[in-house]
């Protein structure tokens, strides 16, 4: 399903990229400037798959924390955070802690909290 979505996005981007390349080529500063094609503006499939994998991890992180009650105490949130990071590592993500910090920066443990769980 994600692959079909990425293909649809590529088609949309390609049609816009045709226009962008044409406008860029018409307004080049000199004949020596490189000519661009529409493919210069379209993300390659391998990059699109990497980006989709990162988005999937972000959705998982949002779901894990967002599913907790609003008044959940911080120690419980940090425990859920650790478990989610372990799950993401097991799923093959390279730096799940940095991903978690991007999505929920205020849940980054302080030095004291880090020491208490070591």
C-alpha atoms as a PDB file:
ATOM      1  CA  UNK A   1       0.000   0.000   0.000  1.00  0.00           C
ATOM      2  CA  UNK A   2       2.863   2.370   0.832  1.00  0.00           C
ATOM      3  CA  UNK A   3       4.494   1.473  -2.464  1.00  0.00           C
ATOM      4  CA  UNK A   4       1.341   2.448  -4.399  1.00  0.00           C
ATOM      5  CA  UNK A   5       1.179   5.688  -2.438  1.00  0.00           C
ATOM      6  CA  UNK A   6       4.805   6.450  -3.290  1.00  0.00           C
ATOM      7  CA  UNK A   7       4.158   5.734  -6.975  1.00  0.00           C
ATOM      8  CA  UNK A   8       1.188   8.105  -6.978  1.00  0.00           C
ATOM      9  CA  UNK A   9       3.295  10.795  -5.326  1.00  0.00           C
ATOM     10  CA  UNK A  10       6.069  10.259  -7.875  1.00  0.00           C
ATOM     11  CA  UNK A  11       3.589  10.732 -10.724  1.00  0.00           C
ATOM     12  CA  UNK A  12       2.340  13.955  -9.128  1.00  0.00           C
ATOM     13  CA  UNK A  13       5.871  15.172  -8.527  1.00  0.00           C
ATOM     14  CA  UNK A  14       6.920  14.250 -12.054  1.00  0.00           C
ATOM     15  CA  UNK A  15       4.189  16.368 -13.622  1.00  0.00           C
ATOM     16  CA  UNK A  16       5.237  19.319 -11.458  1.00  0.00           C
ATOM     17  CA  UNK A  17       8.909  18.568 -12.144  1.00  0.00           C
ATOM     18  CA  UNK A  18       8.299  18.840 -15.894  1.00  0.00           C
ATOM     19  CA  UNK A  19       7.119  22.394 -15.382  1.00  0.00           C
ATOM     20  CA  UNK A  20       9.945  23.250 -12.974  1.00  0.00           C
ATOM     21  CA  UNK A  21      12.594  21.892 -15.355  1.00  0.00           C
ATOM     22  CA  UNK A  22      11.130  23.783 -18.289  1.00  0.00           C
ATOM     23  CA  UNK A  23      11.030  27.064 -16.348  1.00  0.00           C
ATOM     24  CA  UNK A  24      14.563  26.538 -15.021  1.00  0.00           C
ATOM     25  CA  UNK A  25      15.959  25.713 -18.460  1.00  0.00           C
ATOM     26  CA  UNK A  26      14.313  28.743 -20.062  1.00  0.00           C
ATOM     27  CA  UNK A  27      15.781  31.077 -17.443  1.00  0.00           C
ATOM     28  CA  UNK A  28      19.318  29.676 -17.317  1.00  0.00           C
ATOM     29  CA  UNK A  29      21.979  32.347 -16.885  1.00  0.00           C
ATOM     30  CA  UNK A  30      24.145  31.137 -19.743  1.00  0.00           C
ATOM     31  CA  UNK A  31      24.430  28.346 -22.253  1.00  0.00           C
ATOM     32  CA  UNK A  32      27.158  26.765 -20.112  1.00  0.00           C
ATOM     33  CA  UNK A  33      24.761  26.108 -17.215  1.00  0.00           C
ATOM     34  CA  UNK A  34      23.627  22.506 -16.912  1.00  0.00           C
ATOM     35  CA  UNK A  35      20.284  21.534 -18.398  1.00  0.00           C
ATOM     36  CA  UNK A  36      17.972  19.932 -15.853  1.00  0.00           C
ATOM     37  CA  UNK A  37      15.421  17.245 -16.473  1.00  0.00           C
ATOM     38  CA  UNK A  38      12.263  16.414 -14.593  1.00  0.00           C
ATOM     39  CA  UNK A  39      14.032  13.447 -12.994  1.00  0.00           C
ATOM     40  CA  UNK A  40      16.365  15.845 -11.189  1.00  0.00           C
ATOM     41  CA  UNK A  41      13.360  16.923  -9.108  1.00  0.00           C
ATOM     42  CA  UNK A  42      11.912  13.466  -8.381  1.00  0.00           C
ATOM     43  CA  UNK A  43      13.138  11.489  -5.356  1.00  0.00           C
ATOM     44  CA  UNK A  44      14.574   8.041  -6.233  1.00  0.00           C
ATOM     45  CA  UNK A  45      12.590   5.033  -5.041  1.00  0.00           C
ATOM     46  CA  UNK A  46      15.199   3.854  -2.533  1.00  0.00           C
ATOM     47  CA  UNK A  47      15.189   7.256  -0.816  1.00  0.00           C
ATOM     48  CA  UNK A  48      11.394   7.238  -0.823  1.00  0.00           C
ATOM     49  CA  UNK A  49      11.375   3.815   0.858  1.00  0.00           C
ATOM     50  CA  UNK A  50      13.822   5.006   3.529  1.00  0.00           C
ATOM     51  CA  UNK A  51      11.666   8.042   4.198  1.00  0.00           C
ATOM     52  CA  UNK A  52       8.558   5.858   4.426  1.00  0.00           C
ATOM     53  CA  UNK A  53      10.311   3.605   6.949  1.00  0.00           C
ATOM     54  CA  UNK A  54      11.196   6.634   9.090  1.00  0.00           C
ATOM     55  CA  UNK A  55       7.610   7.878   8.886  1.00  0.00           C
ATOM     56  CA  UNK A  56       6.391   4.440   9.932  1.00  0.00           C
ATOM     57  CA  UNK A  57       8.640   4.579  13.006  1.00  0.00           C
ATOM     58  CA  UNK A  58       7.357   8.071  13.842  1.00  0.00           C
ATOM     59  CA  UNK A  59       3.754   6.837  13.562  1.00  0.00           C
ATOM     60  CA  UNK A  60       4.574   3.935  15.903  1.00  0.00           C
ATOM     61  CA  UNK A  61       6.168   6.290  18.438  1.00  0.00           C
ATOM     62  CA  UNK A  62       3.184   8.669  18.310  1.00  0.00           C
ATOM     63  CA  UNK A  63       0.772   5.757  18.706  1.00  0.00           C
ATOM     64  CA  UNK A  64       2.614   4.291  21.692  1.00  0.00           C
ATOM     65  CA  UNK A  65       2.745   7.537  23.656  1.00  0.00           C
ATOM     66  CA  UNK A  66      -0.510   8.977  22.321  1.00  0.00           C
ATOM     67  CA  UNK A  67      -2.401   5.893  23.480  1.00  0.00           C
ATOM     68  CA  UNK A  68      -1.566   6.529  27.127  1.00  0.00           C
ATOM     69  CA  UNK A  69      -3.926   8.464  29.395  1.00  0.00           C
ATOM     70  CA  UNK A  70      -3.312  12.190  29.595  1.00  0.00           C
ATOM     71  CA  UNK A  71      -2.334  12.198  33.271  1.00  0.00           C
ATOM     72  CA  UNK A  72       0.188   9.353  32.992  1.00  0.00           C
ATOM     73  CA  UNK A  73       3.100  10.009  35.366  1.00  0.00           C
ATOM     74  CA  UNK A  74       6.507  10.770  33.839  1.00  0.00           C
ATOM     75  CA  UNK A  75       8.195   7.569  35.140  1.00  0.00           C
ATOM     76  CA  UNK A  76       5.559   5.489  33.354  1.00  0.00           C
ATOM     77  CA  UNK A  77       6.046   7.534  30.152  1.00  0.00           C
ATOM     78  CA  UNK A  78       9.800   6.974  30.356  1.00  0.00           C
ATOM     79  CA  UNK A  79       9.255   3.242  30.849  1.00  0.00           C
ATOM     80  CA  UNK A  80       7.015   3.103  27.768  1.00  0.00           C
ATOM     81  CA  UNK A  81       9.648   5.144  25.916  1.00  0.00           C
ATOM     82  CA  UNK A  82      12.367   2.611  26.753  1.00  0.00           C
ATOM     83  CA  UNK A  83      10.191  -0.300  25.638  1.00  0.00           C
ATOM     84  CA  UNK A  84       9.334   1.450  22.368  1.00  0.00           C
ATOM     85  CA  UNK A  85      13.026   2.114  21.695  1.00  0.00           C
ATOM     86  CA  UNK A  86      13.823  -1.559  22.321  1.00  0.00           C
ATOM     87  CA  UNK A  87      11.011  -2.563  19.928  1.00  0.00           C
ATOM     88  CA  UNK A  88      12.310  -0.228  17.227  1.00  0.00           C
ATOM     89  CA  UNK A  89      15.865  -1.537  17.656  1.00  0.00           C
ATOM     90  CA  UNK A  90      14.540  -5.081  17.304  1.00  0.00           C
ATOM     91  CA  UNK A  91      12.749  -4.011  14.126  1.00  0.00           C
ATOM     92  CA  UNK A  92      16.046  -2.905  12.600  1.00  0.00           C
ATOM     93  CA  UNK A  93      15.994   0.865  13.032  1.00  0.00           C
ATOM     94  CA  UNK A  94      19.466   2.375  13.366  1.00  0.00           C
ATOM     95  CA  UNK A  95      18.927   5.162  15.908  1.00  0.00           C
ATOM     96  CA  UNK A  96      15.470   4.842  17.458  1.00  0.00           C
ATOM     97  CA  UNK A  97      16.375   7.020  20.427  1.00  0.00           C
ATOM     98  CA  UNK A  98      17.046   9.993  18.130  1.00  0.00           C
ATOM     99  CA  UNK A  99      13.767   9.289  16.311  1.00  0.00           C
ATOM    100  CA  UNK A 100      11.927   9.279  19.626  1.00  0.00           C
ATOM    101  CA  UNK A 101      13.575  12.566  20.586  1.00  0.00           C
ATOM    102  CA  UNK A 102      12.403  14.104  17.291  1.00  0.00           C
ATOM    103  CA  UNK A 103       8.791  13.133  17.928  1.00  0.00           C
ATOM    104  CA  UNK A 104       8.633  13.673  21.712  1.00  0.00           C
ATOM    105  CA  UNK A 105      11.608  15.895  22.656  1.00  0.00           C
ATOM    106  CA  UNK A 106      10.205  16.673  26.115  1.00  0.00           C
ATOM    107  CA  UNK A 107      10.353  12.956  27.023  1.00  0.00           C
ATOM    108  CA  UNK A 108      14.118  12.809  26.695  1.00  0.00           C
ATOM    109  CA  UNK A 109      15.295  11.546  30.080  1.00  0.00           C
ATOM    110  CA  UNK A 110      17.346  13.858  32.247  1.00  0.00           C
ATOM    111  CA  UNK A 111      20.741  12.742  33.556  1.00  0.00           C
ATOM    112  CA  UNK A 112      19.194  11.807  36.907  1.00  0.00           C
ATOM    113  CA  UNK A 113      16.478   9.727  35.231  1.00  0.00           C
ATOM    114  CA  UNK A 114      19.055   8.015  33.027  1.00  0.00           C
ATOM    115  CA  UNK A 115      21.203   7.103  36.037  1.00  0.00           C
ATOM    116  CA  UNK A 116      18.265   5.690  37.976  1.00  0.00           C
ATOM    117  CA  UNK A 117      17.546   3.115  35.239  1.00  0.00           C
ATOM    118  CA  UNK A 118      21.105   1.956  34.577  1.00  0.00           C
END
